[in-house]
Amino acid sequence: MSSARRLNFNGKTGVWSVGKEDVDDGVHLAFDLWNAKYVWTAWKSKKPVETHYFSIVNGEKLDPVDQLTNYRAEGKKNSDGWQLGIMVKTVDPNVGEEMDTTLQGGHAAASHPRCWPSTVAR
């Protein structure tokens, strides 16, 4: 994971934000879909403890979740389980800032009608 700031999408409100600041309507962002990856993330006490990345464009197959470490079965306390997401590098071309974007929920998040508004460049 890089040290870039995080660009977040709230699927309930349809709002993009960086940190606690909402992204202004009409801003154009570039998403690097050629290097997008599926990511399995294991969570414990609301923090990531293990991640696995798989290239979407190269057709890498996801490990089935039942073949990943079962933190709950091993008695790991406070395990929140595995979550599937799609990680995409994003650039604000106006200032050249790179941001990390992970759409939690994988395909469901990426297909949300508010995820790709017409004001955001793809």
Protein backbone atom coordinates (compact mmCIF):
# COMPACT_ATOMS: atom_id res chain seq x y z
CA MET A 1 0.00 0.00 0.00
CA SER A 2 1.31 3.43 -0.83
CA SER A 3 1.46 6.55 1.31
CA ALA A 4 -0.90 8.41 -1.02
CA ARG A 5 -4.01 10.02 0.42
CA ARG A 6 -7.20 7.97 0.14
CA LEU A 7 -10.08 8.86 -2.15
CA ASN A 8 -13.24 7.35 -0.69
CA PHE A 9 -16.69 6.70 -2.13
CA ASN A 10 -19.74 6.47 0.12
CA GLY A 11 -22.24 4.19 -1.62
CA LYS A 12 -25.06 5.32 0.68
CA THR A 13 -24.73 9.02 -0.09
CA GLY A 14 -22.96 8.89 -3.48
CA VAL A 15 -20.32 11.31 -2.17
CA TRP A 16 -16.59 11.13 -2.99
CA SER A 17 -14.21 12.42 -0.30
CA VAL A 18 -10.51 12.74 0.50
CA GLY A 19 -10.06 12.42 4.24
CA LYS A 20 -12.96 14.33 5.77
CA GLU A 21 -13.27 16.74 2.83
CA ASP A 22 -15.90 16.11 0.16
CA VAL A 23 -14.70 16.28 -3.45
CA ASP A 24 -16.29 19.29 -5.17
CA ASP A 25 -18.97 18.61 -7.78
CA GLY A 26 -17.57 18.97 -11.28
CA VAL A 27 -13.98 17.97 -10.42
CA HIS A 28 -12.37 15.69 -13.00
CA LEU A 29 -10.30 12.72 -11.83
CA ALA A 30 -8.43 10.09 -13.80
CA PHE A 31 -8.78 6.44 -12.76
CA ASP A 32 -5.96 4.07 -13.81
CA LEU A 33 -8.17 1.11 -14.71
CA TRP A 34 -5.36 -0.71 -16.55
CA ASN A 35 -3.67 -1.33 -13.22
CA ALA A 36 -6.81 -1.96 -11.17
CA LYS A 37 -6.64 -4.89 -8.80
CA TYR A 38 -9.05 -7.04 -6.86
CA VAL A 39 -8.02 -7.02 -3.22
CA TRP A 40 -8.98 -9.39 -0.43
CA THR A 41 -8.49 -7.65 2.93
CA ALA A 42 -8.73 -9.36 6.32
CA TRP A 43 -9.85 -7.03 9.10
CA LYS A 44 -9.30 -7.17 12.83
CA SER A 45 -10.53 -4.45 15.18
CA LYS A 46 -11.36 -2.33 12.10
CA LYS A 47 -7.75 -2.46 10.82
CA PRO A 48 -6.36 -4.46 7.88
CA VAL A 49 -4.20 -7.40 9.01
CA GLU A 50 -3.67 -9.26 5.70
CA THR A 51 -4.15 -8.40 2.02
CA HIS A 52 -3.97 -10.27 -1.29
CA TYR A 53 -3.90 -8.45 -4.67
CA PHE A 54 -4.96 -9.82 -8.08
CA SER A 55 -4.60 -7.98 -11.41
CA ILE A 56 -7.95 -7.57 -13.16
CA VAL A 57 -6.53 -6.81 -16.63
CA ASN A 58 -4.11 -9.76 -16.52
CA GLY A 59 -6.96 -12.07 -15.56
CA GLU A 60 -5.42 -13.27 -12.30
CA LYS A 61 -7.86 -15.56 -10.49
CA LEU A 62 -8.99 -14.62 -7.01
CA ASP A 63 -8.21 -17.04 -4.22
CA PRO A 64 -11.55 -18.39 -2.96
CA VAL A 65 -12.32 -16.90 0.43
CA ASP A 66 -12.56 -20.38 1.94
CA GLN A 67 -8.88 -20.93 1.05
CA LEU A 68 -7.74 -17.80 2.90
CA THR A 69 -6.76 -17.80 6.57
CA ASN A 70 -9.88 -18.27 8.67
CA TYR A 71 -9.15 -15.84 11.48
CA ARG A 72 -12.43 -16.58 13.23
CA ALA A 73 -11.90 -20.38 13.25
CA GLU A 74 -8.40 -19.92 14.65
CA GLY A 75 -9.82 -18.06 17.62
CA LYS A 76 -8.46 -14.70 16.54
CA LYS A 77 -10.34 -12.22 18.69
CA ASN A 78 -12.00 -9.18 17.15
CA SER A 79 -11.74 -10.61 13.60
CA ASP A 80 -14.07 -8.79 11.25
CA GLY A 81 -13.46 -11.29 8.44
CA TRP A 82 -12.46 -10.82 4.79
CA GLN A 83 -13.77 -8.11 2.48
CA LEU A 84 -13.43 -7.99 -1.31
CA GLY A 85 -12.62 -4.67 -2.94
CA ILE A 86 -11.29 -3.14 -6.14
CA MET A 87 -8.19 -0.95 -5.77
CA VAL A 88 -7.58 1.78 -8.35
CA LYS A 89 -4.93 4.50 -8.48
CA THR A 90 -6.54 7.88 -9.04
CA VAL A 91 -4.99 11.18 -10.16
CA ASP A 92 -6.28 14.71 -9.86
CA PRO A 93 -4.85 16.09 -13.15
CA ASN A 94 -5.32 19.70 -11.97
CA VAL A 95 -2.71 19.33 -9.22
CA GLY A 96 -1.02 16.03 -10.15
CA GLU A 97 -1.91 14.41 -6.83
CA GLU A 98 -2.12 10.61 -6.80
CA MET A 99 -4.65 8.96 -4.50
CA ASP A 100 -5.49 5.39 -3.58
CA THR A 101 -9.09 4.33 -4.09
CA THR A 102 -10.54 1.06 -2.88
CA LEU A 103 -14.15 0.29 -3.68
CA GLN A 104 -15.24 -2.10 -0.93
CA GLY A 105 -17.64 -4.78 -2.04
CA GLY A 106 -15.91 -5.43 -5.36
CA HIS A 107 -18.30 -5.57 -8.31
CA ALA A 108 -21.26 -4.38 -6.24
CA ALA A 109 -19.44 -1.16 -5.33
CA ALA A 110 -18.08 -0.55 -8.83
CA SER A 111 -21.51 -1.01 -10.38
CA HIS A 112 -23.24 1.40 -7.98
CA PRO A 113 -24.99 4.07 -10.12
CA ARG A 114 -23.46 6.93 -8.12
CA CYS A 115 -19.93 5.49 -8.22
CA TRP A 116 -19.10 6.84 -11.69
CA PRO A 117 -20.89 10.20 -12.00
CA SER A 118 -20.72 12.00 -15.32
CA THR A 119 -18.54 14.70 -13.74
CA VAL A 120 -15.74 12.23 -13.03
CA ALA A 121 -13.50 11.27 -15.96
CA ARG A 122 -13.00 7.55 -16.44
